[in-house]
Amino acid sequence: MADAYFTVRDEVPEGGRYLGTGHTAGPWDHRLQHGGPPNALMVRAAERLAAHATGRQDLLAMRVAAEFIGPVPVGEVEVTAQVVRAARAGVLVASNLSVAGRPCVQARIWLIRFLDTADVAHPPQPVQSPPAHLPGLGINFPYADSIDWRAESGSLVALGPGVIWARVRIPLVPGEDLSGLQRVTLVGDSASGISAELDWDVWSFLNVDIDVHLVRPVHGDWVRIDATTRLGGHGSALAQSTISDISGVVATTAQTLVLAPRR
């Protein structure tokens, strides 16, 4: 297994073909990818295309809104990207991921131009990195095993809200560092599992979307996910998280969940 979530088969500025390795496999079915890696791959496609199309190096990917059209199998995927709007203040890119011509995920990513606004920014509220003695998640599957986890409270096997530190141990594609939005998107899709309010053996609670908003670039490798899930009475739920790095709050996430009894 390659030491990355994806290997590059071929690519151009507008996208490419990629092989999802076993590290992408999620908790529900070992044949299907966890939502984090394919969404991060679409963020990467948007970053590459925006830089190529505009010739600018001052753009920071700050927001992704992704919709799951269908499951993503572990294996080859194709990603395409298109600039929707290119303005002085930012660039909007639409990314799509498909398998054998079947649409699986679509996303819209905003990249915002850099401007020094430190004089008006809220002051940082640093938090400590997780102590090494904190426990892990308490569950194993390929995607989870690719990340270092440290639990302040909760776990994937304990019902209710959770506060978990995460550090991605492998690159999205070989030889590249993760951007801030790639990193948060990779782990942010786990918020619904960290804060699960239902027994995994009795219920499924798949998310049909994920929205990630950054307030600034991410500092360091560790991020802290403070996650909650609110159950609705009509078959849906909302999972939300506040994500921090060593300098304080850096992002929020939201996921719409579909609730169903497991067969």
C-alpha atoms as a PDB file:
ATOM      1  CA  MET A   1       0.000   0.000   0.000  1.00  0.00           C
ATOM      2  CA  ALA A   2       1.403   3.413  -0.988  1.00  0.00           C
ATOM      3  CA  ASP A   3       2.176   5.677   1.973  1.00  0.00           C
ATOM      4  CA  ALA A   4      -0.418   8.252   0.877  1.00  0.00           C
ATOM      5  CA  TYR A   5      -4.181   8.449   0.448  1.00  0.00           C
ATOM      6  CA  PHE A   6      -3.908   8.696  -3.344  1.00  0.00           C
ATOM      7  CA  THR A   7      -1.313   8.082  -6.025  1.00  0.00           C
ATOM      8  CA  VAL A   8      -1.399  10.130  -9.225  1.00  0.00           C
ATOM      9  CA  ARG A   9      -2.185   8.243 -12.424  1.00  0.00           C
ATOM     10  CA  ASP A  10      -2.153  11.335 -14.648  1.00  0.00           C
ATOM     11  CA  GLU A  11      -3.181  14.935 -14.185  1.00  0.00           C
ATOM     12  CA  VAL A  12      -3.529  18.312 -15.866  1.00  0.00           C
ATOM     13  CA  PRO A  13      -4.367  21.683 -14.277  1.00  0.00           C
ATOM     14  CA  GLU A  14      -8.090  20.927 -14.662  1.00  0.00           C
ATOM     15  CA  GLY A  15      -7.925  17.640 -12.732  1.00  0.00           C
ATOM     16  CA  GLY A  16      -6.722  14.087 -13.227  1.00  0.00           C
ATOM     17  CA  ARG A  17      -7.046  10.401 -12.406  1.00  0.00           C
ATOM     18  CA  TYR A  18      -5.972   9.097  -9.002  1.00  0.00           C
ATOM     19  CA  LEU A  19      -5.811   5.722  -7.303  1.00  0.00           C
ATOM     20  CA  GLY A  20      -7.307   5.706  -3.832  1.00  0.00           C
ATOM     21  CA  THR A  21      -5.171   3.462  -1.628  1.00  0.00           C
ATOM     22  CA  GLY A  22      -6.359   1.284   1.244  1.00  0.00           C
ATOM     23  CA  HIS A  23      -5.721   4.208   3.638  1.00  0.00           C
ATOM     24  CA  THR A  24      -8.934   5.848   2.338  1.00  0.00           C
ATOM     25  CA  ALA A  25     -11.254   3.028   3.508  1.00  0.00           C
ATOM     26  CA  GLY A  26     -13.915   4.113   5.994  1.00  0.00           C
ATOM     27  CA  PRO A  27     -15.759   2.516   8.927  1.00  0.00           C
ATOM     28  CA  TRP A  28     -18.997   1.428   7.247  1.00  0.00           C
ATOM     29  CA  ASP A  29     -17.567  -0.748   4.450  1.00  0.00           C
ATOM     30  CA  HIS A  30     -13.894  -1.502   3.728  1.00  0.00           C
ATOM     31  CA  ARG A  31     -14.665  -1.217   0.000  1.00  0.00           C
ATOM     32  CA  LEU A  32     -15.763   2.424   0.323  1.00  0.00           C
ATOM     33  CA  GLN A  33     -13.723   5.532   1.036  1.00  0.00           C
ATOM     34  CA  HIS A  34     -14.125   7.686   4.107  1.00  0.00           C
ATOM     35  CA  GLY A  35     -15.427  11.137   3.158  1.00  0.00           C
ATOM     36  CA  GLY A  36     -12.297  13.016   4.240  1.00  0.00           C
ATOM     37  CA  PRO A  37      -9.749  11.942   1.597  1.00  0.00           C
ATOM     38  CA  PRO A  38     -11.885  12.491  -1.561  1.00  0.00           C
ATOM     39  CA  ASN A  39     -13.034  15.888  -0.328  1.00  0.00           C
ATOM     40  CA  ALA A  40      -9.455  16.911   0.424  1.00  0.00           C
ATOM     41  CA  LEU A  41      -8.491  15.747  -3.067  1.00  0.00           C
ATOM     42  CA  MET A  42     -11.087  18.108  -4.568  1.00  0.00           C
ATOM     43  CA  VAL A  43      -9.722  20.971  -2.469  1.00  0.00           C
ATOM     44  CA  ARG A  44      -6.282  20.203  -3.891  1.00  0.00           C
ATOM     45  CA  ALA A  45      -7.697  20.251  -7.435  1.00  0.00           C
ATOM     46  CA  ALA A  46      -9.236  23.675  -6.796  1.00  0.00           C
ATOM     47  CA  GLU A  47      -5.974  25.041  -5.398  1.00  0.00           C
ATOM     48  CA  ARG A  48      -3.994  23.789  -8.389  1.00  0.00           C
ATOM     49  CA  LEU A  49      -6.453  25.117 -10.963  1.00  0.00           C
ATOM     50  CA  ALA A  50      -6.855  28.528  -9.298  1.00  0.00           C
ATOM     51  CA  ALA A  51      -3.090  29.067  -9.249  1.00  0.00           C
ATOM     52  CA  HIS A  52      -2.738  27.927 -12.867  1.00  0.00           C
ATOM     53  CA  ALA A  53      -5.701  29.875 -14.254  1.00  0.00           C
ATOM     54  CA  THR A  54      -4.884  33.147 -12.508  1.00  0.00           C
ATOM     55  CA  GLY A  55      -1.091  32.949 -12.186  1.00  0.00           C
ATOM     56  CA  ARG A  56      -1.505  34.096  -8.585  1.00  0.00           C
ATOM     57  CA  GLN A  57       0.316  32.767  -5.530  1.00  0.00           C
ATOM     58  CA  ASP A  58      -1.617  34.814  -2.951  1.00  0.00           C
ATOM     59  CA  LEU A  59      -4.782  32.663  -2.875  1.00  0.00           C
ATOM     60  CA  LEU A  60      -5.699  30.688   0.254  1.00  0.00           C
ATOM     61  CA  ALA A  61      -8.384  27.968   0.134  1.00  0.00           C
ATOM     62  CA  MET A  62     -10.721  28.930   2.982  1.00  0.00           C
ATOM     63  CA  ARG A  63     -14.064  27.231   2.415  1.00  0.00           C
ATOM     64  CA  VAL A  64     -15.428  24.009   0.889  1.00  0.00           C
ATOM     65  CA  ALA A  65     -19.049  22.936   0.537  1.00  0.00           C
ATOM     66  CA  ALA A  66     -19.278  19.325  -0.625  1.00  0.00           C
ATOM     67  CA  GLU A  67     -22.249  17.118  -1.504  1.00  0.00           C
ATOM     68  CA  PHE A  68     -22.103  13.319  -1.634  1.00  0.00           C
ATOM     69  CA  ILE A  69     -23.971  12.158  -4.733  1.00  0.00           C
ATOM     70  CA  GLY A  70     -22.990   8.516  -4.229  1.00  0.00           C
ATOM     71  CA  PRO A  71     -20.447   6.308  -2.438  1.00  0.00           C
ATOM     72  CA  VAL A  72     -16.782   6.497  -3.436  1.00  0.00           C
ATOM     73  CA  PRO A  73     -15.197   3.038  -3.879  1.00  0.00           C
ATOM     74  CA  VAL A  74     -11.607   2.428  -2.850  1.00  0.00           C
ATOM     75  CA  GLY A  75      -9.835   2.494  -6.210  1.00  0.00           C
ATOM     76  CA  GLU A  76      -9.446   4.816  -9.180  1.00  0.00           C
ATOM     77  CA  VAL A  77     -11.276   8.149  -9.174  1.00  0.00           C
ATOM     78  CA  GLU A  78     -11.364  11.068 -11.609  1.00  0.00           C
ATOM     79  CA  VAL A  79     -11.426  14.688 -10.478  1.00  0.00           C
ATOM     80  CA  THR A  80     -12.315  17.679 -12.651  1.00  0.00           C
ATOM     81  CA  ALA A  81     -12.219  21.345 -11.691  1.00  0.00           C
ATOM     82  CA  GLN A  82     -13.577  24.516 -13.270  1.00  0.00           C
ATOM     83  CA  VAL A  83     -13.202  28.179 -12.326  1.00  0.00           C
ATOM     84  CA  VAL A  84     -16.669  29.611 -11.671  1.00  0.00           C
ATOM     85  CA  ARG A  85     -15.548  33.125 -10.808  1.00  0.00           C
ATOM     86  CA  ALA A  86     -12.154  34.811 -10.675  1.00  0.00           C
ATOM     87  CA  ALA A  87     -12.188  38.204  -8.963  1.00  0.00           C
ATOM     88  CA  ARG A  88      -9.606  40.389  -7.277  1.00  0.00           C
ATOM     89  CA  ALA A  89     -10.731  39.330  -3.795  1.00  0.00           C
ATOM     90  CA  GLY A  90     -11.109  35.626  -4.459  1.00  0.00           C
ATOM     91  CA  VAL A  91     -11.655  32.708  -6.801  1.00  0.00           C
ATOM     92  CA  LEU A  92     -14.533  30.203  -6.748  1.00  0.00           C
ATOM     93  CA  VAL A  93     -13.847  26.737  -8.162  1.00  0.00           C
ATOM     94  CA  ALA A  94     -16.262  23.853  -8.732  1.00  0.00           C
ATOM     95  CA  SER A  95     -14.724  20.394  -8.320  1.00  0.00           C
ATOM     96  CA  ASN A  96     -16.303  17.067  -9.176  1.00  0.00           C
ATOM     97  CA  LEU A  97     -15.208  13.528  -8.371  1.00  0.00           C
ATOM     98  CA  SER A  98     -16.474  10.546 -10.338  1.00  0.00           C
ATOM     99  CA  VAL A  99     -15.791   6.823 -10.712  1.00  0.00           C
ATOM    100  CA  ALA A 100     -16.098   5.197 -14.149  1.00  0.00           C
ATOM    101  CA  GLY A 101     -18.225   8.142 -15.294  1.00  0.00           C
ATOM    102  CA  ARG A 102     -20.557   7.970 -12.265  1.00  0.00           C
ATOM    103  CA  PRO A 103     -20.721  11.225 -10.229  1.00  0.00           C
ATOM    104  CA  CYS A 104     -19.817  10.657  -6.589  1.00  0.00           C
ATOM    105  CA  VAL A 105     -19.002  14.008  -4.959  1.00  0.00           C
ATOM    106  CA  GLN A 106     -19.313  17.629  -6.026  1.00  0.00           C
ATOM    107  CA  ALA A 107     -17.823  20.595  -4.205  1.00  0.00           C
ATOM    108  CA  ARG A 108     -17.415  24.350  -4.431  1.00  0.00           C
ATOM    109  CA  ILE A 109     -14.249  25.851  -2.994  1.00  0.00           C
ATOM    110  CA  TRP A 110     -13.546  29.514  -2.289  1.00  0.00           C
ATOM    111  CA  LEU A 111      -9.956  30.736  -2.360  1.00  0.00           C
ATOM    112  CA  ILE A 112      -9.448  34.183  -0.813  1.00  0.00           C
ATOM    113  CA  ARG A 113      -6.590  36.548  -1.628  1.00  0.00           C
ATOM    114  CA  PHE A 114      -4.065  37.204   1.141  1.00  0.00           C
ATOM    115  CA  LEU A 115      -4.242  40.609   2.830  1.00  0.00           C
ATOM    116  CA  ASP A 116      -2.520  41.549   6.079  1.00  0.00           C
ATOM    117  CA  THR A 117      -5.356  42.270   8.525  1.00  0.00           C
ATOM    118  CA  ALA A 118      -3.435  41.387  11.700  1.00  0.00           C
ATOM    119  CA  ASP A 119      -4.207  44.806  13.227  1.00  0.00           C
ATOM    120  CA  VAL A 120      -7.958  44.059  13.352  1.00  0.00           C
ATOM    121  CA  ALA A 121      -7.858  40.293  13.907  1.00  0.00           C
ATOM    122  CA  HIS A 122      -8.974  38.747  17.169  1.00  0.00           C
ATOM    123  CA  PRO A 123      -5.905  37.978  19.292  1.00  0.00           C
ATOM    124  CA  PRO A 124      -4.753  34.348  19.286  1.00  0.00           C
ATOM    125  CA  GLN A 125      -5.851  32.133  22.168  1.00  0.00           C
ATOM    126  CA  PRO A 126      -3.177  29.419  22.151  1.00  0.00           C
ATOM    127  CA  VAL A 127      -4.005  25.901  23.238  1.00  0.00           C
ATOM    128  CA  GLN A 128      -1.541  23.188  24.155  1.00  0.00           C
ATOM    129  CA  SER A 129      -0.851  20.232  21.904  1.00  0.00           C
ATOM    130  CA  PRO A 130      -2.289  16.979  23.269  1.00  0.00           C
ATOM    131  CA  PRO A 131      -0.299  15.121  25.923  1.00  0.00           C
ATOM    132  CA  ALA A 132       1.087  11.848  24.616  1.00  0.00           C
ATOM    133  CA  HIS A 133      -0.644   9.860  27.375  1.00  0.00           C
ATOM    134  CA  LEU A 134      -4.170  10.666  26.125  1.00  0.00           C
ATOM    135  CA  PRO A 135      -6.010   7.612  24.722  1.00  0.00           C
ATOM    136  CA  GLY A 136      -6.804   7.008  21.066  1.00  0.00           C
ATOM    137  CA  LEU A 137     -10.193   6.644  19.411  1.00  0.00           C
ATOM    138  CA  GLY A 138     -10.868   3.107  20.568  1.00  0.00           C
ATOM    139  CA  ILE A 139     -11.619   1.767  17.107  1.00  0.00           C
ATOM    140  CA  ASN A 140      -9.581   0.656  14.088  1.00  0.00           C
ATOM    141  CA  PHE A 141     -10.178   0.922  10.354  1.00  0.00           C
ATOM    142  CA  PRO A 142      -7.758   1.978   7.577  1.00  0.00           C
ATOM    143  CA  TYR A 143      -8.540   5.708   7.433  1.00  0.00           C
ATOM    144  CA  ALA A 144      -8.514   5.984  11.236  1.00  0.00           C
ATOM    145  CA  ASP A 145      -5.191   4.133  11.397  1.00  0.00           C
ATOM    146  CA  SER A 146      -3.600   6.747   9.095  1.00  0.00           C
ATOM    147  CA  ILE A 147      -4.068   9.475  11.723  1.00  0.00           C
ATOM    148  CA  ASP A 148      -2.731  10.006  15.241  1.00  0.00           C
ATOM    149  CA  TRP A 149      -5.695  10.568  17.575  1.00  0.00           C
ATOM    150  CA  ARG A 150      -5.695  11.803  21.174  1.00  0.00           C
ATOM    151  CA  ALA A 151      -8.983  11.950  23.055  1.00  0.00           C
ATOM    152  CA  GLU A 152      -9.590  14.690  25.614  1.00  0.00           C
ATOM    153  CA  SER A 153     -13.116  13.372  26.031  1.00  0.00           C
ATOM    154  CA  GLY A 154     -15.287  10.874  24.200  1.00  0.00           C
ATOM    155  CA  SER A 155     -14.297   8.411  21.482  1.00  0.00           C
ATOM    156  CA  LEU A 156     -15.821   6.589  18.524  1.00  0.00           C
ATOM    157  CA  VAL A 157     -17.172   3.936  20.901  1.00  0.00           C
ATOM    158  CA  ALA A 158     -18.613   6.346  23.501  1.00  0.00           C
ATOM    159  CA  LEU A 159     -21.915   8.048  22.706  1.00  0.00           C
ATOM    160  CA  GLY A 160     -22.201  11.806  22.936  1.00  0.00           C
ATOM    161  CA  PRO A 161     -20.028  14.878  22.267  1.00  0.00           C
ATOM    162  CA  GLY A 162     -16.301  14.439  21.950  1.00  0.00           C
ATOM    163  CA  VAL A 163     -13.102  16.485  21.943  1.00  0.00           C
ATOM    164  CA  ILE A 164     -10.380  14.785  19.930  1.00  0.00           C
ATOM    165  CA  TRP A 165      -6.928  15.863  18.734  1.00  0.00           C
ATOM    166  CA  ALA A 166      -5.847  14.608  15.305  1.00  0.00           C
ATOM    167  CA  ARG A 167      -2.589  14.637  13.320  1.00  0.00           C
ATOM    168  CA  VAL A 168      -2.562  13.291   9.770  1.00  0.00           C
ATOM    169  CA  ARG A 169       0.453  10.995   9.371  1.00  0.00           C
ATOM    170  CA  ILE A 170       0.577  10.545   5.585  1.00  0.00           C
ATOM    171  CA  PRO A 171       0.277  12.954   2.621  1.00  0.00           C
ATOM    172  CA  LEU A 172      -2.768  13.276   0.423  1.00  0.00           C
ATOM    173  CA  VAL A 173      -0.551  12.482  -2.588  1.00  0.00           C
ATOM    174  CA  PRO A 174       3.120  11.490  -2.373  1.00  0.00           C
ATOM    175  CA  GLY A 175       5.658  14.257  -1.911  1.00  0.00           C
ATOM    176  CA  GLU A 176       3.257  17.097  -1.021  1.00  0.00           C
ATOM    177  CA  ASP A 177       2.472  18.852   2.247  1.00  0.00           C
ATOM    178  CA  LEU A 178      -1.162  19.308   3.183  1.00  0.00           C
ATOM    179  CA  SER A 179      -2.635  22.790   2.833  1.00  0.00           C
ATOM    180  CA  GLY A 180      -4.696  24.090   5.738  1.00  0.00           C
ATOM    181  CA  LEU A 181      -8.073  23.393   4.121  1.00  0.00           C
ATOM    182  CA  GLN A 182      -6.924  19.954   2.946  1.00  0.00           C
ATOM    183  CA  ARG A 183      -5.893  19.071   6.513  1.00  0.00           C
ATOM    184  CA  VAL A 184      -9.107  20.287   8.152  1.00  0.00           C
ATOM    185  CA  THR A 185     -11.280  18.664   5.490  1.00  0.00           C
ATOM    186  CA  LEU A 186      -9.458  15.348   5.924  1.00  0.00           C
ATOM    187  CA  VAL A 187     -10.224  15.168   9.647  1.00  0.00           C
ATOM    188  CA  GLY A 188     -13.347  17.353   9.834  1.00  0.00           C
ATOM    189  CA  ASP A 189     -15.498  14.711   8.167  1.00  0.00           C
ATOM    190  CA  SER A 190     -14.892  12.605  11.300  1.00  0.00           C
ATOM    191  CA  ALA A 191     -16.875  15.007  13.504  1.00  0.00           C
ATOM    192  CA  SER A 192     -20.078  12.992  13.089  1.00  0.00           C
ATOM    193  CA  GLY A 193     -18.308   9.851  14.298  1.00  0.00           C
ATOM    194  CA  ILE A 194     -16.536  11.571  17.182  1.00  0.00           C
ATOM    195  CA  SER A 195     -19.863  12.944  18.454  1.00  0.00           C
ATOM    196  CA  ALA A 196     -22.071   9.955  17.564  1.00  0.00           C
ATOM    197  CA  GLU A 197     -25.275   9.850  19.605  1.00  0.00           C
ATOM    198  CA  LEU A 198     -26.359   6.433  18.282  1.00  0.00           C
ATOM    199  CA  ASP A 199     -24.940   2.915  18.536  1.00  0.00           C
ATOM    200  CA  TRP A 200     -22.873   2.134  15.424  1.00  0.00           C
ATOM    201  CA  ASP A 201     -24.088  -1.491  15.468  1.00  0.00           C
ATOM    202  CA  VAL A 202     -27.759  -0.494  15.503  1.00  0.00           C
ATOM    203  CA  TRP A 203     -27.905   2.707  13.453  1.00  0.00           C
ATOM    204  CA  SER A 204     -26.236   4.241  10.424  1.00  0.00           C
ATOM    205  CA  PHE A 205     -25.811   8.012  10.276  1.00  0.00           C
ATOM    206  CA  LEU A 206     -24.100   8.784   6.985  1.00  0.00           C
ATOM    207  CA  ASN A 207     -23.509  12.423   6.085  1.00  0.00           C
ATOM    208  CA  VAL A 208     -24.773  13.675   2.735  1.00  0.00           C
ATOM    209  CA  ASP A 209     -22.656  16.826   2.828  1.00  0.00           C
ATOM    210  CA  ILE A 210     -19.942  18.702   4.670  1.00  0.00           C
ATOM    211  CA  ASP A 211     -19.226  22.420   4.935  1.00  0.00           C
ATOM    212  CA  VAL A 212     -15.838  23.575   6.213  1.00  0.00           C
ATOM    213  CA  HIS A 213     -15.002  27.229   6.919  1.00  0.00           C
ATOM    214  CA  LEU A 214     -11.522  28.447   7.867  1.00  0.00           C
ATOM    215  CA  VAL A 215     -10.923  31.777   9.568  1.00  0.00           C
ATOM    216  CA  ARG A 216      -7.166  31.795   8.805  1.00  0.00           C
ATOM    217  CA  PRO A 217      -4.384  29.412   7.734  1.00  0.00           C
ATOM    218  CA  VAL A 218      -3.734  26.407   9.970  1.00  0.00           C
ATOM    219  CA  HIS A 219      -0.702  26.466  12.276  1.00  0.00           C
ATOM    220  CA  GLY A 220       1.046  23.157  12.916  1.00  0.00           C
ATOM    221  CA  ASP A 221       0.124  19.515  12.314  1.00  0.00           C
ATOM    222  CA  TRP A 222      -2.271  18.924  15.227  1.00  0.00           C
ATOM    223  CA  VAL A 223      -5.896  20.064  15.172  1.00  0.00           C
ATOM    224  CA  ARG A 224      -8.475  19.766  17.943  1.00  0.00           C
ATOM    225  CA  ILE A 225     -12.025  18.735  16.997  1.00  0.00           C
ATOM    226  CA  ASP A 226     -14.764  19.716  19.473  1.00  0.00           C
ATOM    227  CA  ALA A 227     -17.798  17.933  18.017  1.00  0.00           C
ATOM    228  CA  THR A 228     -21.499  17.561  18.821  1.00  0.00           C
ATOM    229  CA  THR A 229     -24.445  15.895  17.105  1.00  0.00           C
ATOM    230  CA  ARG A 230     -28.076  16.957  17.456  1.00  0.00           C
ATOM    231  CA  LEU A 231     -30.620  14.281  16.524  1.00  0.00           C
ATOM    232  CA  GLY A 232     -33.829  15.239  14.747  1.00  0.00           C
ATOM    233  CA  GLY A 233     -37.162  13.458  14.932  1.00  0.00           C
ATOM    234  CA  HIS A 234     -37.709  12.969  11.201  1.00  0.00           C
ATOM    235  CA  GLY A 235     -34.755  10.857  10.093  1.00  0.00           C
ATOM    236  CA  SER A 236     -31.985  13.465  10.009  1.00  0.00           C
ATOM    237  CA  ALA A 237     -29.417  14.995  12.322  1.00  0.00           C
ATOM    238  CA  LEU A 238     -26.829  17.770  12.371  1.00  0.00           C
ATOM    239  CA  ALA A 239     -23.187  17.251  13.348  1.00  0.00           C
ATOM    240  CA  GLN A 240     -21.106  20.347  14.026  1.00  0.00           C
ATOM    241  CA  SER A 241     -17.576  20.957  15.212  1.00  0.00           C
ATOM    242  CA  THR A 242     -15.247  23.755  16.187  1.00  0.00           C
ATOM    243  CA  ILE A 243     -11.677  23.037  15.120  1.00  0.00           C
ATOM    244  CA  SER A 244      -8.638  24.606  16.748  1.00  0.00           C
ATOM    245  CA  ASP A 245      -4.898  24.456  16.189  1.00  0.00           C
ATOM    246  CA  ILE A 246      -2.077  25.475  18.517  1.00  0.00           C
ATOM    247  CA  SER A 247      -3.026  29.158  18.065  1.00  0.00           C
ATOM    248  CA  GLY A 248      -6.739  28.786  18.823  1.00  0.00           C
ATOM    249  CA  VAL A 249      -9.965  28.400  16.863  1.00  0.00           C
ATOM    250  CA  VAL A 250      -9.291  27.981  13.151  1.00  0.00           C
ATOM    251  CA  ALA A 251     -12.422  26.439  11.574  1.00  0.00           C
ATOM    252  CA  THR A 252     -15.971  25.159  11.869  1.00  0.00           C
ATOM    253  CA  THR A 253     -17.659  22.216  10.174  1.00  0.00           C
ATOM    254  CA  ALA A 254     -21.268  21.137   9.635  1.00  0.00           C
ATOM    255  CA  GLN A 255     -22.693  17.850   8.323  1.00  0.00           C
ATOM    256  CA  THR A 256     -26.252  16.785   7.520  1.00  0.00           C
ATOM    257  CA  LEU A 257     -26.777  13.171   8.628  1.00  0.00           C
ATOM    258  CA  VAL A 258     -29.322  10.647   7.354  1.00  0.00           C
ATOM    259  CA  LEU A 259     -30.464   8.310  10.160  1.00  0.00           C
ATOM    260  CA  ALA A 260     -31.499   4.725   9.463  1.00  0.00           C
ATOM    261  CA  PRO A 261     -31.622   1.435  11.375  1.00  0.00           C
ATOM    262  CA  ARG A 262     -28.920  -0.985  10.268  1.00  0.00           C
ATOM    263  CA  ARG A 263     -30.039  -4.290   8.792  1.00  0.00           C
END
